[in-house]
Every structure is written in structure tokens, then in C-alpha cells.
Amino acid sequence: MFPALDFLVQLESLKIAYCGRILDPGLLTLPQNLKKLTLSNFRLPWIHISAVGRLQNLEVLKLLSRSLEGGRWEMKDGEFLKLKYLKLHYEYCSVECL
């Protein structure tokens, strides 16, 4: 289970690089004031991407090599409302959006 980070209330930028087995994130709790988030080798199952999408102030999201695992990304209404920049590196493709 990934540790809760929601107590870091003033944190605005976070980079997580992980080396190891696929995490069982349980309830992924990230600091709510994050504006920038980078995940690398995090291996988060796609079904947990909504925890990232609910970050109300998130403007920059970088999902680098092996940051997510599994099926497809299904966004829901009300997610990623302030996102201005997305960098996605997923196995054999790479996408960058402004």
C-alpha cells in the first residue's frame, strides 16, 4: 500500500520515482494543493487515475515510463479541470499536450 501524503498540505510539486513490484495503492491520497505531479515507474493501475484527476489545482501532469499499468484511461466528468500540460510516455508511444 502506498503511504498517504495528504498531510503535506502546502506541497505544490511532487515527483515520485519507484523501483519495485506493482504497488497496491489502496486509497491513493495525494496532497490536495499539488500543481505539478510527475510519476515514473510508479506502476499505478489505470483504475486509480481518478485519484490524480480529483486534484483540484493540478496544472502539470507527467506520466513517464511505466507510471501506469493495465488497461485504458477512462476519464470521468469533473476530473483534471485545471490541467494545462500533459506528458504521457506509455510503453511504445509518447504524447505531449499543451
C-alpha atoms as a PDB file:
ATOM      1  CA  MET A   1       0.000   0.000   0.000  1.00  0.00           C
ATOM      2  CA  PHE A   2       1.310   3.426  -0.930  1.00  0.00           C
ATOM      3  CA  PRO A   3       1.668   5.793   2.054  1.00  0.00           C
ATOM      4  CA  ALA A   4      -0.789   8.646   2.470  1.00  0.00           C
ATOM      5  CA  LEU A   5       0.697  12.011   1.553  1.00  0.00           C
ATOM      6  CA  ASP A   6      -2.342  14.206   2.086  1.00  0.00           C
ATOM      7  CA  PHE A   7      -0.844  15.678   5.269  1.00  0.00           C
ATOM      8  CA  LEU A   8       1.629  17.651   3.098  1.00  0.00           C
ATOM      9  CA  VAL A   9      -0.930  20.419   2.676  1.00  0.00           C
ATOM     10  CA  GLN A  10       1.427  23.113   1.346  1.00  0.00           C
ATOM     11  CA  LEU A  11       3.232  20.907  -1.184  1.00  0.00           C
ATOM     12  CA  GLU A  12       2.667  22.127  -4.763  1.00  0.00           C
ATOM     13  CA  SER A  13       5.105  19.949  -6.726  1.00  0.00           C
ATOM     14  CA  LEU A  14       5.817  16.240  -6.349  1.00  0.00           C
ATOM     15  CA  LYS A  15       7.944  13.747  -8.290  1.00  0.00           C
ATOM     16  CA  ILE A  16       7.668  10.069  -7.481  1.00  0.00           C
ATOM     17  CA  ALA A  17      10.053   7.512  -8.975  1.00  0.00           C
ATOM     18  CA  TYR A  18       9.563   3.958  -7.822  1.00  0.00           C
ATOM     19  CA  CYS A  19      11.587   0.821  -8.436  1.00  0.00           C
ATOM     20  CA  GLY A  20       9.979  -2.405  -7.412  1.00  0.00           C
ATOM     21  CA  ARG A  21       6.898  -4.539  -7.775  1.00  0.00           C
ATOM     22  CA  ILE A  22       3.489  -3.231  -8.774  1.00  0.00           C
ATOM     23  CA  LEU A  23       2.077  -1.254  -5.890  1.00  0.00           C
ATOM     24  CA  ASP A  24      -1.239  -1.957  -4.273  1.00  0.00           C
ATOM     25  CA  PRO A  25      -2.176   1.686  -3.853  1.00  0.00           C
ATOM     26  CA  GLY A  26      -5.330   1.030  -1.861  1.00  0.00           C
ATOM     27  CA  LEU A  27      -6.670   4.516  -1.436  1.00  0.00           C
ATOM     28  CA  LEU A  28      -4.167   6.789  -3.116  1.00  0.00           C
ATOM     29  CA  THR A  29      -4.130  10.037  -1.142  1.00  0.00           C
ATOM     30  CA  LEU A  30      -2.039  12.844  -2.562  1.00  0.00           C
ATOM     31  CA  PRO A  31      -1.629  16.419  -1.310  1.00  0.00           C
ATOM     32  CA  GLN A  32      -4.682  18.384  -2.478  1.00  0.00           C
ATOM     33  CA  ASN A  33      -2.710  21.542  -3.335  1.00  0.00           C
ATOM     34  CA  LEU A  34      -0.470  19.865  -5.922  1.00  0.00           C
ATOM     35  CA  LYS A  35       0.010  21.895  -9.082  1.00  0.00           C
ATOM     36  CA  LYS A  36       2.674  19.638 -10.623  1.00  0.00           C
ATOM     37  CA  LEU A  37       2.889  15.858 -10.436  1.00  0.00           C
ATOM     38  CA  THR A  38       5.394  13.542 -12.097  1.00  0.00           C
ATOM     39  CA  LEU A  39       5.156   9.763 -11.813  1.00  0.00           C
ATOM     40  CA  SER A  40       7.896   7.473 -13.109  1.00  0.00           C
ATOM     41  CA  ASN A  41       7.989   3.677 -12.791  1.00  0.00           C
ATOM     42  CA  PHE A  42       5.161   4.068 -10.285  1.00  0.00           C
ATOM     43  CA  ARG A  43       3.109   1.274 -11.889  1.00  0.00           C
ATOM     44  CA  LEU A  44      -0.225   2.642 -10.700  1.00  0.00           C
ATOM     45  CA  PRO A  45      -3.175   0.665 -12.085  1.00  0.00           C
ATOM     46  CA  TRP A  46      -5.164   2.843 -14.535  1.00  0.00           C
ATOM     47  CA  ILE A  47      -8.284   2.342 -12.431  1.00  0.00           C
ATOM     48  CA  HIS A  48      -6.699   4.602  -9.791  1.00  0.00           C
ATOM     49  CA  ILE A  49      -6.040   7.557 -12.115  1.00  0.00           C
ATOM     50  CA  SER A  50      -9.175   9.273 -10.774  1.00  0.00           C
ATOM     51  CA  ALA A  51      -7.319   9.933  -7.514  1.00  0.00           C
ATOM     52  CA  VAL A  52      -4.968  12.098  -9.576  1.00  0.00           C
ATOM     53  CA  GLY A  53      -7.813  13.636 -11.593  1.00  0.00           C
ATOM     54  CA  ARG A  54      -9.531  14.862  -8.445  1.00  0.00           C
ATOM     55  CA  LEU A  55      -6.581  17.114  -7.543  1.00  0.00           C
ATOM     56  CA  GLN A  56      -8.342  20.452  -7.969  1.00  0.00           C
ATOM     57  CA  ASN A  57      -5.215  22.567  -8.555  1.00  0.00           C
ATOM     58  CA  LEU A  58      -3.276  20.185 -10.811  1.00  0.00           C
ATOM     59  CA  GLU A  59      -1.905  22.035 -13.849  1.00  0.00           C
ATOM     60  CA  VAL A  60       1.022  19.851 -14.956  1.00  0.00           C
ATOM     61  CA  LEU A  61       0.952  16.052 -15.131  1.00  0.00           C
ATOM     62  CA  LYS A  62       3.850  13.955 -16.380  1.00  0.00           C
ATOM     63  CA  LEU A  63       3.289  10.220 -16.597  1.00  0.00           C
ATOM     64  CA  LEU A  64       6.667   8.845 -17.567  1.00  0.00           C
ATOM     65  CA  SER A  65       7.886   5.326 -18.289  1.00  0.00           C
ATOM     66  CA  ARG A  66       5.838   2.622 -16.598  1.00  0.00           C
ATOM     67  CA  SER A  67       3.980   5.094 -14.424  1.00  0.00           C
ATOM     68  CA  LEU A  68       0.701   3.281 -15.077  1.00  0.00           C
ATOM     69  CA  GLU A  69      -0.211  -0.363 -15.596  1.00  0.00           C
ATOM     70  CA  GLY A  70      -3.018  -2.188 -17.274  1.00  0.00           C
ATOM     71  CA  GLY A  71      -5.954  -1.311 -19.482  1.00  0.00           C
ATOM     72  CA  ARG A  72      -7.125   2.037 -20.670  1.00  0.00           C
ATOM     73  CA  TRP A  73      -7.577   5.523 -19.310  1.00  0.00           C
ATOM     74  CA  GLU A  74     -11.221   6.359 -18.774  1.00  0.00           C
ATOM     75  CA  MET A  75     -11.754   9.917 -17.595  1.00  0.00           C
ATOM     76  CA  LYS A  76     -14.839  10.986 -15.681  1.00  0.00           C
ATOM     77  CA  ASP A  77     -16.631  14.323 -15.621  1.00  0.00           C
ATOM     78  CA  GLY A  78     -15.079  16.755 -13.172  1.00  0.00           C
ATOM     79  CA  GLU A  79     -11.521  15.373 -13.444  1.00  0.00           C
ATOM     80  CA  PHE A  80      -8.397  17.302 -14.492  1.00  0.00           C
ATOM     81  CA  LEU A  81     -10.304  20.595 -14.646  1.00  0.00           C
ATOM     82  CA  LYS A  82      -7.230  22.877 -14.446  1.00  0.00           C
ATOM     83  CA  LEU A  83      -4.773  20.668 -16.348  1.00  0.00           C
ATOM     84  CA  LYS A  84      -2.707  22.751 -18.791  1.00  0.00           C
ATOM     85  CA  TYR A  85       0.117  20.352 -19.641  1.00  0.00           C
ATOM     86  CA  LEU A  86       0.152  16.577 -20.035  1.00  0.00           C
ATOM     87  CA  LYS A  87       3.170  14.466 -20.887  1.00  0.00           C
ATOM     88  CA  LEU A  88       2.419  10.788 -21.383  1.00  0.00           C
ATOM     89  CA  HIS A  89       5.060   8.183 -22.087  1.00  0.00           C
ATOM     90  CA  TYR A  90       3.342   4.819 -22.273  1.00  0.00           C
ATOM     91  CA  GLU A  91       5.279   1.776 -23.451  1.00  0.00           C
ATOM     92  CA  TYR A  92       5.663   2.302 -27.204  1.00  0.00           C
ATOM     93  CA  CYS A  93       4.174   5.753 -27.577  1.00  0.00           C
ATOM     94  CA  SER A  94       4.788   9.205 -26.243  1.00  0.00           C
ATOM     95  CA  VAL A  95       2.336  12.114 -26.198  1.00  0.00           C
ATOM     96  CA  GLU A  96       2.773  15.685 -25.077  1.00  0.00           C
ATOM     97  CA  CYS A  97      -0.158  18.108 -24.896  1.00  0.00           C
ATOM     98  CA  LEU A  98      -0.360  21.792 -24.027  1.00  0.00           C
END
